[in-house]
Amino acid sequence: MSAAVDPDTICLVSGGDLVRSRSYVNHRIWAAEAGIDYRLEIGIAPGRRTPYDPKFTAIRNVLPRYSWIIWVDDDVYFTDWRPGRLLHLVDDAERSGLWGVLAQGPTEPGGHWSVINTGVMILRNDPRTFAMLDRAQALEVAEAKERWEPTRDGLFTHGDQDTIWTTVREDPDLLSGLRSVG
């Protein structure tokens, strides 16, 4: 299979408002093994309203420089050093015309589940991605909770995951351009 996306146009991105752990070492090594760029973005988001604003800011800062980014939260560690799975997802998303690929939420031992997990996201440099980021960041968590249906949406986590899922779920164009994978 030939690659649909040039690895030079993909970047692995992680970060937040401060360095909580040395996961960035793990992320940097994985990116080097995959042959893609890596960016650690640390900083306070201008006009910060929530703890998740630095994530939105980091994504907005890096995404315009690349065709695709792979965002990983700072509590994510790679244990599989074969980059093929994630890079294949980027290629498949490119071929399918998607704006994003998000991790499916886990089913916890107690039975709690969520539709998506925004700790790992593959995002295209695309107007749909930026529209999703703008609307999800502007959506108050309390407003997302009012529109949340646990039997449909799973566990409400009180964060960016909920505002992103509410934004995507309520917009047919965004929903049709997104894939969720295990």
N, C-alpha and C. Protein backbone atom coordinates (compact mmCIF):
# COMPACT_ATOMS: atom_id res chain seq x y z
N MET A 1 0.84 -1.18 0.00
CA MET A 1 0.00 0.00 0.00
C MET A 1 0.88 1.24 0.00
N SER A 2 0.65 2.15 -0.89
CA SER A 2 1.42 3.38 -0.89
C SER A 2 0.76 4.40 0.02
N ALA A 3 1.58 5.25 0.61
CA ALA A 3 1.08 6.24 1.54
C ALA A 3 0.29 7.31 0.79
N ALA A 4 -0.82 7.72 1.37
CA ALA A 4 -1.62 8.80 0.81
C ALA A 4 -1.10 10.15 1.30
N VAL A 5 -0.49 10.16 2.47
CA VAL A 5 -0.03 11.40 3.08
C VAL A 5 1.48 11.32 3.27
N ASP A 6 2.19 12.32 2.81
CA ASP A 6 3.64 12.42 3.00
C ASP A 6 3.93 12.57 4.49
N PRO A 7 4.76 11.70 5.08
CA PRO A 7 5.07 11.81 6.51
C PRO A 7 5.62 13.18 6.91
N ASP A 8 6.23 13.90 5.96
CA ASP A 8 6.75 15.24 6.27
C ASP A 8 5.63 16.24 6.54
N THR A 9 4.39 15.87 6.24
CA THR A 9 3.26 16.78 6.45
C THR A 9 2.40 16.37 7.64
N ILE A 10 2.95 15.48 8.48
CA ILE A 10 2.24 15.00 9.67
C ILE A 10 3.08 15.37 10.90
N CYS A 11 2.40 15.78 11.97
CA CYS A 11 3.11 16.12 13.20
C CYS A 11 2.37 15.52 14.39
N LEU A 12 3.12 14.91 15.29
CA LEU A 12 2.60 14.47 16.57
C LEU A 12 2.71 15.66 17.52
N VAL A 13 1.62 15.98 18.22
CA VAL A 13 1.57 17.14 19.10
C VAL A 13 1.06 16.72 20.47
N SER A 14 1.71 17.21 21.51
CA SER A 14 1.22 17.03 22.87
C SER A 14 1.55 18.28 23.66
N GLY A 15 1.02 18.36 24.86
CA GLY A 15 1.32 19.51 25.69
C GLY A 15 0.17 19.90 26.57
N GLY A 16 0.19 21.14 26.97
CA GLY A 16 -0.83 21.67 27.87
C GLY A 16 -0.35 22.96 28.48
N ASP A 17 -0.81 23.23 29.70
CA ASP A 17 -0.42 24.48 30.35
C ASP A 17 0.87 24.36 31.14
N LEU A 18 1.30 23.13 31.43
CA LEU A 18 2.57 22.90 32.11
C LEU A 18 3.02 21.46 31.89
N VAL A 19 4.26 21.18 32.20
CA VAL A 19 4.78 19.82 32.05
C VAL A 19 4.42 19.04 33.32
N ARG A 20 3.55 18.04 33.17
CA ARG A 20 3.11 17.23 34.30
C ARG A 20 3.94 15.96 34.47
N SER A 21 4.47 15.47 33.36
CA SER A 21 5.26 14.24 33.40
C SER A 21 6.25 14.28 32.24
N ARG A 22 7.07 13.26 32.15
CA ARG A 22 8.05 13.19 31.07
C ARG A 22 7.52 12.40 29.87
N SER A 23 6.21 12.38 29.70
CA SER A 23 5.62 11.68 28.56
C SER A 23 6.12 12.24 27.24
N TYR A 24 6.52 13.50 27.24
CA TYR A 24 7.02 14.12 26.00
C TYR A 24 8.25 13.37 25.47
N VAL A 25 9.02 12.73 26.33
CA VAL A 25 10.16 11.93 25.87
C VAL A 25 9.64 10.74 25.07
N ASN A 26 8.64 10.07 25.61
CA ASN A 26 8.00 8.94 24.92
C ASN A 26 7.42 9.40 23.59
N HIS A 27 6.75 10.54 23.58
CA HIS A 27 6.12 11.05 22.36
C HIS A 27 7.17 11.38 21.30
N ARG A 28 8.26 12.01 21.73
CA ARG A 28 9.32 12.40 20.79
C ARG A 28 9.97 11.18 20.15
N ILE A 29 10.22 10.16 20.95
CA ILE A 29 10.83 8.94 20.42
C ILE A 29 9.88 8.26 19.44
N TRP A 30 8.60 8.19 19.80
CA TRP A 30 7.64 7.55 18.89
C TRP A 30 7.59 8.30 17.56
N ALA A 31 7.54 9.62 17.61
CA ALA A 31 7.49 10.41 16.37
C ALA A 31 8.74 10.18 15.53
N ALA A 32 9.90 10.13 16.18
CA ALA A 32 11.15 9.88 15.44
C ALA A 32 11.10 8.50 14.77
N GLU A 33 10.61 7.51 15.49
CA GLU A 33 10.47 6.16 14.91
C GLU A 33 9.49 6.16 13.74
N ALA A 34 8.46 7.00 13.81
CA ALA A 34 7.46 7.08 12.75
C ALA A 34 7.93 7.93 11.58
N GLY A 35 9.00 8.70 11.77
CA GLY A 35 9.49 9.57 10.71
C GLY A 35 8.66 10.83 10.52
N ILE A 36 8.02 11.29 11.61
CA ILE A 36 7.21 12.51 11.54
C ILE A 36 7.73 13.52 12.56
N ASP A 37 7.34 14.77 12.39
CA ASP A 37 7.73 15.82 13.33
C ASP A 37 7.03 15.63 14.66
N TYR A 38 7.60 16.27 15.69
CA TYR A 38 6.97 16.29 17.01
C TYR A 38 7.03 17.69 17.56
N ARG A 39 5.95 18.14 18.18
CA ARG A 39 5.89 19.44 18.83
C ARG A 39 5.33 19.27 20.23
N LEU A 40 6.05 19.80 21.20
CA LEU A 40 5.56 19.91 22.57
C LEU A 40 5.13 21.36 22.74
N GLU A 41 3.87 21.58 22.99
CA GLU A 41 3.32 22.93 23.11
C GLU A 41 2.93 23.17 24.57
N ILE A 42 3.65 24.04 25.23
CA ILE A 42 3.36 24.38 26.62
C ILE A 42 3.10 25.87 26.71
N GLY A 43 2.00 26.25 27.34
CA GLY A 43 1.72 27.67 27.50
C GLY A 43 0.32 27.93 27.96
N ILE A 44 0.12 29.10 28.43
CA ILE A 44 -1.19 29.53 28.86
C ILE A 44 -1.95 30.06 27.65
N ALA A 45 -3.17 29.64 27.52
CA ALA A 45 -4.00 30.09 26.40
C ALA A 45 -4.48 31.51 26.68
N PRO A 46 -4.40 32.39 25.69
CA PRO A 46 -4.93 33.75 25.87
C PRO A 46 -6.42 33.70 26.20
N GLY A 47 -6.85 34.45 27.18
CA GLY A 47 -8.26 34.47 27.56
C GLY A 47 -8.75 33.15 28.11
N ARG A 48 -7.89 32.41 28.74
CA ARG A 48 -8.21 31.06 29.23
C ARG A 48 -9.45 31.08 30.13
N ARG A 49 -10.40 30.21 29.78
CA ARG A 49 -11.62 30.05 30.57
C ARG A 49 -11.68 28.70 31.26
N THR A 50 -11.05 27.70 30.65
CA THR A 50 -11.14 26.34 31.19
C THR A 50 -9.74 25.71 31.20
N PRO A 51 -9.58 24.62 31.92
CA PRO A 51 -8.29 23.91 31.89
C PRO A 51 -7.95 23.32 30.53
N TYR A 52 -8.93 23.25 29.63
CA TYR A 52 -8.74 22.62 28.33
C TYR A 52 -8.37 23.62 27.24
N ASP A 53 -8.45 24.91 27.52
CA ASP A 53 -8.12 25.91 26.52
C ASP A 53 -6.70 25.77 25.97
N PRO A 54 -5.68 25.43 26.80
CA PRO A 54 -4.34 25.25 26.23
C PRO A 54 -4.28 24.15 25.17
N LYS A 55 -5.09 23.12 25.30
CA LYS A 55 -5.14 22.04 24.30
C LYS A 55 -5.66 22.60 22.97
N PHE A 56 -6.77 23.34 23.03
CA PHE A 56 -7.31 23.95 21.82
C PHE A 56 -6.30 24.91 21.19
N THR A 57 -5.64 25.70 22.02
CA THR A 57 -4.64 26.66 21.53
C THR A 57 -3.47 25.95 20.88
N ALA A 58 -2.97 24.90 21.51
CA ALA A 58 -1.84 24.14 20.96
C ALA A 58 -2.19 23.57 19.59
N ILE A 59 -3.37 22.99 19.48
CA ILE A 59 -3.80 22.42 18.20
C ILE A 59 -3.88 23.51 17.14
N ARG A 60 -4.50 24.65 17.50
CA ARG A 60 -4.61 25.75 16.53
C ARG A 60 -3.25 26.32 16.13
N ASN A 61 -2.29 26.32 17.05
CA ASN A 61 -0.96 26.85 16.75
C ASN A 61 -0.19 25.96 15.77
N VAL A 62 -0.33 24.66 15.89
CA VAL A 62 0.48 23.73 15.10
C VAL A 62 -0.21 23.30 13.81
N LEU A 63 -1.50 23.08 13.83
CA LEU A 63 -2.20 22.51 12.68
C LEU A 63 -2.00 23.27 11.38
N PRO A 64 -1.94 24.60 11.36
CA PRO A 64 -1.76 25.28 10.07
C PRO A 64 -0.43 24.96 9.36
N ARG A 65 0.54 24.42 10.08
CA ARG A 65 1.86 24.12 9.50
C ARG A 65 1.92 22.73 8.85
N TYR A 66 0.89 21.92 9.04
CA TYR A 66 0.91 20.53 8.59
C TYR A 66 -0.40 20.18 7.90
N SER A 67 -0.40 19.09 7.16
CA SER A 67 -1.64 18.57 6.59
C SER A 67 -2.47 17.88 7.66
N TRP A 68 -1.77 17.18 8.55
CA TRP A 68 -2.42 16.42 9.62
C TRP A 68 -1.61 16.54 10.89
N ILE A 69 -2.32 16.51 12.03
CA ILE A 69 -1.62 16.33 13.30
C ILE A 69 -2.24 15.16 14.03
N ILE A 70 -1.42 14.53 14.84
CA ILE A 70 -1.89 13.51 15.77
C ILE A 70 -1.72 14.13 17.15
N TRP A 71 -2.82 14.46 17.81
CA TRP A 71 -2.77 15.01 19.15
C TRP A 71 -2.80 13.87 20.16
N VAL A 72 -1.93 13.91 21.16
CA VAL A 72 -1.99 12.98 22.29
C VAL A 72 -1.90 13.79 23.57
N ASP A 73 -2.79 13.51 24.51
CA ASP A 73 -2.74 14.17 25.81
C ASP A 73 -1.45 13.82 26.53
N ASP A 74 -1.11 14.62 27.50
CA ASP A 74 0.16 14.43 28.21
C ASP A 74 0.15 13.23 29.16
N ASP A 75 -0.98 12.55 29.30
CA ASP A 75 -1.00 11.32 30.10
C ASP A 75 -1.03 10.07 29.22
N VAL A 76 -0.80 10.25 27.93
CA VAL A 76 -0.75 9.14 26.98
C VAL A 76 0.70 8.69 26.82
N TYR A 77 0.91 7.39 26.84
CA TYR A 77 2.24 6.81 26.58
C TYR A 77 2.11 5.77 25.49
N PHE A 78 3.01 5.83 24.52
CA PHE A 78 3.05 4.82 23.48
C PHE A 78 3.73 3.58 24.03
N THR A 79 3.11 2.42 23.83
CA THR A 79 3.72 1.15 24.20
C THR A 79 3.95 0.28 22.97
N ASP A 80 3.27 0.61 21.88
CA ASP A 80 3.46 -0.08 20.61
C ASP A 80 4.32 0.85 19.75
N TRP A 81 5.54 0.46 19.47
CA TRP A 81 6.48 1.33 18.76
C TRP A 81 6.35 1.23 17.26
N ARG A 82 5.41 0.42 16.77
CA ARG A 82 5.17 0.34 15.33
C ARG A 82 4.21 1.46 14.94
N PRO A 83 4.66 2.41 14.14
CA PRO A 83 3.79 3.54 13.81
C PRO A 83 2.73 3.24 12.77
N GLY A 84 2.75 2.06 12.20
CA GLY A 84 1.87 1.76 11.08
C GLY A 84 0.39 1.99 11.35
N ARG A 85 -0.09 1.63 12.52
CA ARG A 85 -1.53 1.74 12.81
C ARG A 85 -1.99 3.20 12.72
N LEU A 86 -1.31 4.09 13.41
CA LEU A 86 -1.73 5.50 13.38
C LEU A 86 -1.52 6.12 11.99
N LEU A 87 -0.41 5.84 11.38
CA LEU A 87 -0.16 6.41 10.05
C LEU A 87 -1.14 5.86 9.02
N HIS A 88 -1.53 4.59 9.18
CA HIS A 88 -2.55 4.02 8.30
C HIS A 88 -3.89 4.76 8.50
N LEU A 89 -4.21 5.11 9.75
CA LEU A 89 -5.45 5.85 10.01
C LEU A 89 -5.42 7.22 9.34
N VAL A 90 -4.25 7.87 9.35
CA VAL A 90 -4.11 9.16 8.65
C VAL A 90 -4.34 8.96 7.16
N ASP A 91 -3.67 7.97 6.58
CA ASP A 91 -3.83 7.70 5.14
C ASP A 91 -5.29 7.39 4.79
N ASP A 92 -5.93 6.56 5.60
CA ASP A 92 -7.32 6.19 5.36
C ASP A 92 -8.24 7.41 5.47
N ALA A 93 -7.99 8.27 6.45
CA ALA A 93 -8.78 9.49 6.61
C ALA A 93 -8.60 10.42 5.41
N GLU A 94 -7.36 10.51 4.92
CA GLU A 94 -7.07 11.33 3.73
C GLU A 94 -7.86 10.82 2.54
N ARG A 95 -7.79 9.52 2.30
CA ARG A 95 -8.50 8.92 1.17
C ARG A 95 -10.01 9.09 1.28
N SER A 96 -10.52 9.07 2.52
CA SER A 96 -11.96 9.14 2.77
C SER A 96 -12.49 10.57 2.86
N GLY A 97 -11.60 11.55 2.81
CA GLY A 97 -12.03 12.94 2.89
C GLY A 97 -12.50 13.38 4.27
N LEU A 98 -12.03 12.69 5.29
CA LEU A 98 -12.43 13.02 6.66
C LEU A 98 -11.66 14.23 7.18
N TRP A 99 -12.22 14.90 8.16
CA TRP A 99 -11.49 15.97 8.86
C TRP A 99 -10.85 15.43 10.13
N GLY A 100 -11.32 14.28 10.63
CA GLY A 100 -10.76 13.78 11.87
C GLY A 100 -11.04 12.33 12.15
N VAL A 101 -10.16 11.78 13.00
CA VAL A 101 -10.31 10.43 13.53
C VAL A 101 -10.09 10.56 15.03
N LEU A 102 -11.04 10.11 15.82
CA LEU A 102 -10.93 10.17 17.28
C LEU A 102 -10.97 8.76 17.85
N ALA A 103 -10.31 8.62 18.98
CA ALA A 103 -10.35 7.35 19.68
C ALA A 103 -11.74 7.13 20.25
N GLN A 104 -12.19 5.89 20.22
CA GLN A 104 -13.43 5.54 20.91
C GLN A 104 -13.16 5.59 22.41
N GLY A 105 -14.18 5.96 23.15
CA GLY A 105 -14.05 5.92 24.60
C GLY A 105 -14.05 4.49 25.08
N PRO A 106 -13.38 4.24 26.18
CA PRO A 106 -13.34 2.88 26.71
C PRO A 106 -14.61 2.52 27.45
N THR A 107 -14.84 1.24 27.62
CA THR A 107 -15.85 0.77 28.56
C THR A 107 -15.11 0.36 29.82
N GLU A 108 -15.42 1.04 30.90
CA GLU A 108 -14.72 0.83 32.17
C GLU A 108 -15.26 -0.44 32.86
N PRO A 109 -14.48 -1.02 33.78
CA PRO A 109 -14.95 -2.23 34.48
C PRO A 109 -16.31 -2.05 35.16
N GLY A 110 -16.62 -0.84 35.62
CA GLY A 110 -17.91 -0.59 36.26
C GLY A 110 -19.05 -0.40 35.27
N GLY A 111 -18.76 -0.49 33.97
CA GLY A 111 -19.78 -0.35 32.95
C GLY A 111 -19.89 1.04 32.34
N HIS A 112 -19.17 2.03 32.89
CA HIS A 112 -19.19 3.38 32.32
C HIS A 112 -18.50 3.36 30.96
N TRP A 113 -19.01 4.16 30.04
CA TRP A 113 -18.44 4.23 28.69
C TRP A 113 -18.63 5.64 28.15
N SER A 114 -17.92 5.95 27.10
CA SER A 114 -18.10 7.21 26.39
C SER A 114 -17.92 6.94 24.90
N VAL A 115 -18.53 7.78 24.08
CA VAL A 115 -18.49 7.59 22.63
C VAL A 115 -17.08 7.83 22.11
N ILE A 116 -16.44 8.92 22.60
CA ILE A 116 -15.11 9.26 22.12
C ILE A 116 -14.17 9.51 23.30
N ASN A 117 -12.88 9.53 22.97
CA ASN A 117 -11.84 9.90 23.92
C ASN A 117 -10.95 10.90 23.20
N THR A 118 -10.98 12.15 23.64
CA THR A 118 -10.22 13.19 22.95
C THR A 118 -8.76 13.25 23.41
N GLY A 119 -8.32 12.23 24.12
CA GLY A 119 -6.91 12.13 24.49
C GLY A 119 -6.03 11.75 23.31
N VAL A 120 -6.63 11.18 22.27
CA VAL A 120 -5.93 10.83 21.04
C VAL A 120 -6.83 11.24 19.88
N MET A 121 -6.34 12.20 19.08
CA MET A 121 -7.13 12.70 17.95
C MET A 121 -6.21 12.89 16.74
N ILE A 122 -6.70 12.50 15.58
CA ILE A 122 -6.02 12.77 14.32
C ILE A 122 -6.85 13.83 13.62
N LEU A 123 -6.23 14.98 13.34
CA LEU A 123 -6.98 16.13 12.81
C LEU A 123 -6.34 16.65 11.54
N ARG A 124 -7.17 16.92 10.55
CA ARG A 124 -6.74 17.46 9.26
C ARG A 124 -6.72 18.99 9.32
N ASN A 125 -5.78 19.58 8.61
CA ASN A 125 -5.77 21.02 8.42
C ASN A 125 -6.89 21.33 7.43
N ASP A 126 -8.06 21.63 7.96
CA ASP A 126 -9.28 21.71 7.17
C ASP A 126 -10.23 22.69 7.87
N PRO A 127 -11.00 23.45 7.11
CA PRO A 127 -11.95 24.38 7.74
C PRO A 127 -12.92 23.71 8.71
N ARG A 128 -13.30 22.46 8.44
CA ARG A 128 -14.21 21.75 9.34
C ARG A 128 -13.57 21.54 10.70
N THR A 129 -12.28 21.23 10.71
CA THR A 129 -11.57 21.02 11.99
C THR A 129 -11.56 22.30 12.79
N PHE A 130 -11.23 23.41 12.14
CA PHE A 130 -11.17 24.69 12.85
C PHE A 130 -12.56 25.12 13.32
N ALA A 131 -13.59 24.84 12.53
CA ALA A 131 -14.97 25.14 12.96
C ALA A 131 -15.32 24.33 14.20
N MET A 132 -14.95 23.04 14.20
CA MET A 132 -15.22 22.21 15.36
C MET A 132 -14.49 22.75 16.59
N LEU A 133 -13.20 23.08 16.43
CA LEU A 133 -12.42 23.60 17.55
C LEU A 133 -13.05 24.87 18.11
N ASP A 134 -13.42 25.80 17.23
CA ASP A 134 -14.00 27.07 17.67
C ASP A 134 -15.30 26.85 18.43
N ARG A 135 -16.17 26.03 17.87
CA ARG A 135 -17.48 25.82 18.50
C ARG A 135 -17.38 25.00 19.78
N ALA A 136 -16.52 24.00 19.78
CA ALA A 136 -16.37 23.17 20.99
C ALA A 136 -15.74 23.97 22.13
N GLN A 137 -14.78 24.81 21.80
CA GLN A 137 -14.15 25.61 22.85
C GLN A 137 -15.11 26.67 23.39
N ALA A 138 -15.95 27.23 22.53
CA ALA A 138 -16.90 28.26 22.97
C ALA A 138 -18.08 27.68 23.75
N LEU A 139 -18.35 26.39 23.56
CA LEU A 139 -19.48 25.76 24.24
C LEU A 139 -19.16 25.57 25.72
N GLU A 140 -19.99 26.10 26.57
CA GLU A 140 -19.80 25.93 28.02
C GLU A 140 -20.06 24.47 28.38
N VAL A 141 -19.26 23.94 29.27
CA VAL A 141 -19.43 22.55 29.70
C VAL A 141 -20.83 22.35 30.29
N ALA A 142 -21.31 23.32 31.04
CA ALA A 142 -22.65 23.21 31.63
C ALA A 142 -23.73 23.13 30.54
N GLU A 143 -23.55 23.86 29.45
CA GLU A 143 -24.51 23.81 28.35
C GLU A 143 -24.45 22.45 27.65
N ALA A 144 -23.24 21.91 27.48
CA ALA A 144 -23.11 20.57 26.89
C ALA A 144 -23.82 19.54 27.76
N LYS A 145 -23.70 19.70 29.08
CA LYS A 145 -24.34 18.75 30.01
C LYS A 145 -25.86 18.78 29.87
N GLU A 146 -26.43 19.97 29.65
CA GLU A 146 -27.88 20.08 29.47
C GLU A 146 -28.34 19.33 28.22
N ARG A 147 -27.47 19.22 27.22
CA ARG A 147 -27.83 18.56 25.96
C ARG A 147 -27.34 17.11 25.90
N TRP A 148 -26.83 16.61 27.01
CA TRP A 148 -26.24 15.28 27.08
C TRP A 148 -27.30 14.23 27.42
N GLU A 149 -27.23 13.11 26.75
CA GLU A 149 -28.11 11.97 27.03
C GLU A 149 -27.23 10.76 27.32
N PRO A 150 -27.12 10.34 28.59
CA PRO A 150 -26.20 9.26 28.94
C PRO A 150 -26.41 7.96 28.16
N THR A 151 -27.65 7.62 27.82
CA THR A 151 -27.86 6.38 27.07
C THR A 151 -27.35 6.48 25.64
N ARG A 152 -27.26 7.69 25.12
CA ARG A 152 -26.75 7.93 23.77
C ARG A 152 -25.27 8.29 23.78
N ASP A 153 -24.85 9.12 24.75
CA ASP A 153 -23.51 9.72 24.75
C ASP A 153 -22.54 9.10 25.75
N GLY A 154 -23.05 8.32 26.69
CA GLY A 154 -22.18 7.71 27.68
C GLY A 154 -21.91 8.63 28.86
N LEU A 155 -20.79 8.39 29.51
CA LEU A 155 -20.41 9.12 30.71
C LEU A 155 -20.05 10.57 30.38
N PHE A 156 -20.62 11.51 31.13
CA PHE A 156 -20.26 12.92 30.99
C PHE A 156 -19.01 13.15 31.83
N THR A 157 -17.94 13.64 31.19
CA THR A 157 -16.64 13.75 31.87
C THR A 157 -16.30 15.16 32.33
N HIS A 158 -17.19 16.12 32.07
CA HIS A 158 -17.01 17.51 32.51
C HIS A 158 -15.80 18.19 31.89
N GLY A 159 -15.58 17.98 30.59
CA GLY A 159 -14.42 18.60 29.96
C GLY A 159 -14.55 18.75 28.46
N ASP A 160 -13.39 18.90 27.82
CA ASP A 160 -13.33 19.14 26.38
C ASP A 160 -13.93 17.98 25.59
N GLN A 161 -13.82 16.78 26.11
CA GLN A 161 -14.39 15.62 25.43
C GLN A 161 -15.89 15.80 25.23
N ASP A 162 -16.55 16.34 26.24
CA ASP A 162 -18.00 16.53 26.18
C ASP A 162 -18.38 17.65 25.22
N THR A 163 -17.62 18.75 25.22
CA THR A 163 -17.96 19.85 24.31
C THR A 163 -17.64 19.46 22.86
N ILE A 164 -16.58 18.70 22.67
CA ILE A 164 -16.25 18.25 21.31
C ILE A 164 -17.33 17.30 20.80
N TRP A 165 -17.72 16.31 21.63
CA TRP A 165 -18.72 15.35 21.17
C TRP A 165 -20.06 16.03 20.93
N THR A 166 -20.48 16.94 21.81
CA THR A 166 -21.75 17.64 21.61
C THR A 166 -21.71 18.43 20.31
N THR A 167 -20.62 19.13 20.05
CA THR A 167 -20.47 19.92 18.82
C THR A 167 -20.56 19.03 17.59
N VAL A 168 -19.83 17.92 17.59
CA VAL A 168 -19.81 17.03 16.43
C VAL A 168 -21.16 16.33 16.26
N ARG A 169 -21.70 15.82 17.34
CA ARG A 169 -22.96 15.08 17.27
C ARG A 169 -24.09 15.92 16.70
N GLU A 170 -24.08 17.22 16.99
CA GLU A 170 -25.18 18.09 16.59
C GLU A 170 -25.01 18.71 15.20
N ASP A 171 -23.90 18.43 14.53
CA ASP A 171 -23.66 18.99 13.20
C ASP A 171 -23.46 17.85 12.21
N PRO A 172 -24.44 17.59 11.34
CA PRO A 172 -24.33 16.45 10.40
C PRO A 172 -23.07 16.49 9.53
N ASP A 173 -22.63 17.69 9.14
CA ASP A 173 -21.42 17.78 8.30
C ASP A 173 -20.18 17.37 9.09
N LEU A 174 -20.10 17.80 10.35
CA LEU A 174 -18.97 17.38 11.17
C LEU A 174 -19.04 15.89 11.47
N LEU A 175 -20.22 15.41 11.82
CA LEU A 175 -20.37 14.00 12.16
C LEU A 175 -20.01 13.09 10.99
N SER A 176 -20.40 13.47 9.77
CA SER A 176 -20.11 12.64 8.61
C SER A 176 -18.63 12.67 8.22
N GLY A 177 -17.89 13.67 8.69
CA GLY A 177 -16.47 13.78 8.36
C GLY A 177 -15.56 13.26 9.45
N LEU A 178 -16.12 12.55 10.41
CA LEU A 178 -15.36 12.03 11.54
C LEU A 178 -15.47 10.52 11.62
N ARG A 179 -14.39 9.87 11.96
CA ARG A 179 -14.40 8.43 12.23
C ARG A 179 -13.92 8.24 13.67
N SER A 180 -14.55 7.31 14.35
CA SER A 180 -14.14 6.93 15.70
C SER A 180 -13.63 5.51 15.65
N VAL A 181 -12.44 5.29 16.21
CA VAL A 181 -11.82 3.96 16.13
C VAL A 181 -11.34 3.49 17.50
N GLY A 182 -11.29 2.18 17.66
CA GLY A 182 -10.80 1.59 18.89
C GLY A 182 -9.31 1.62 18.96
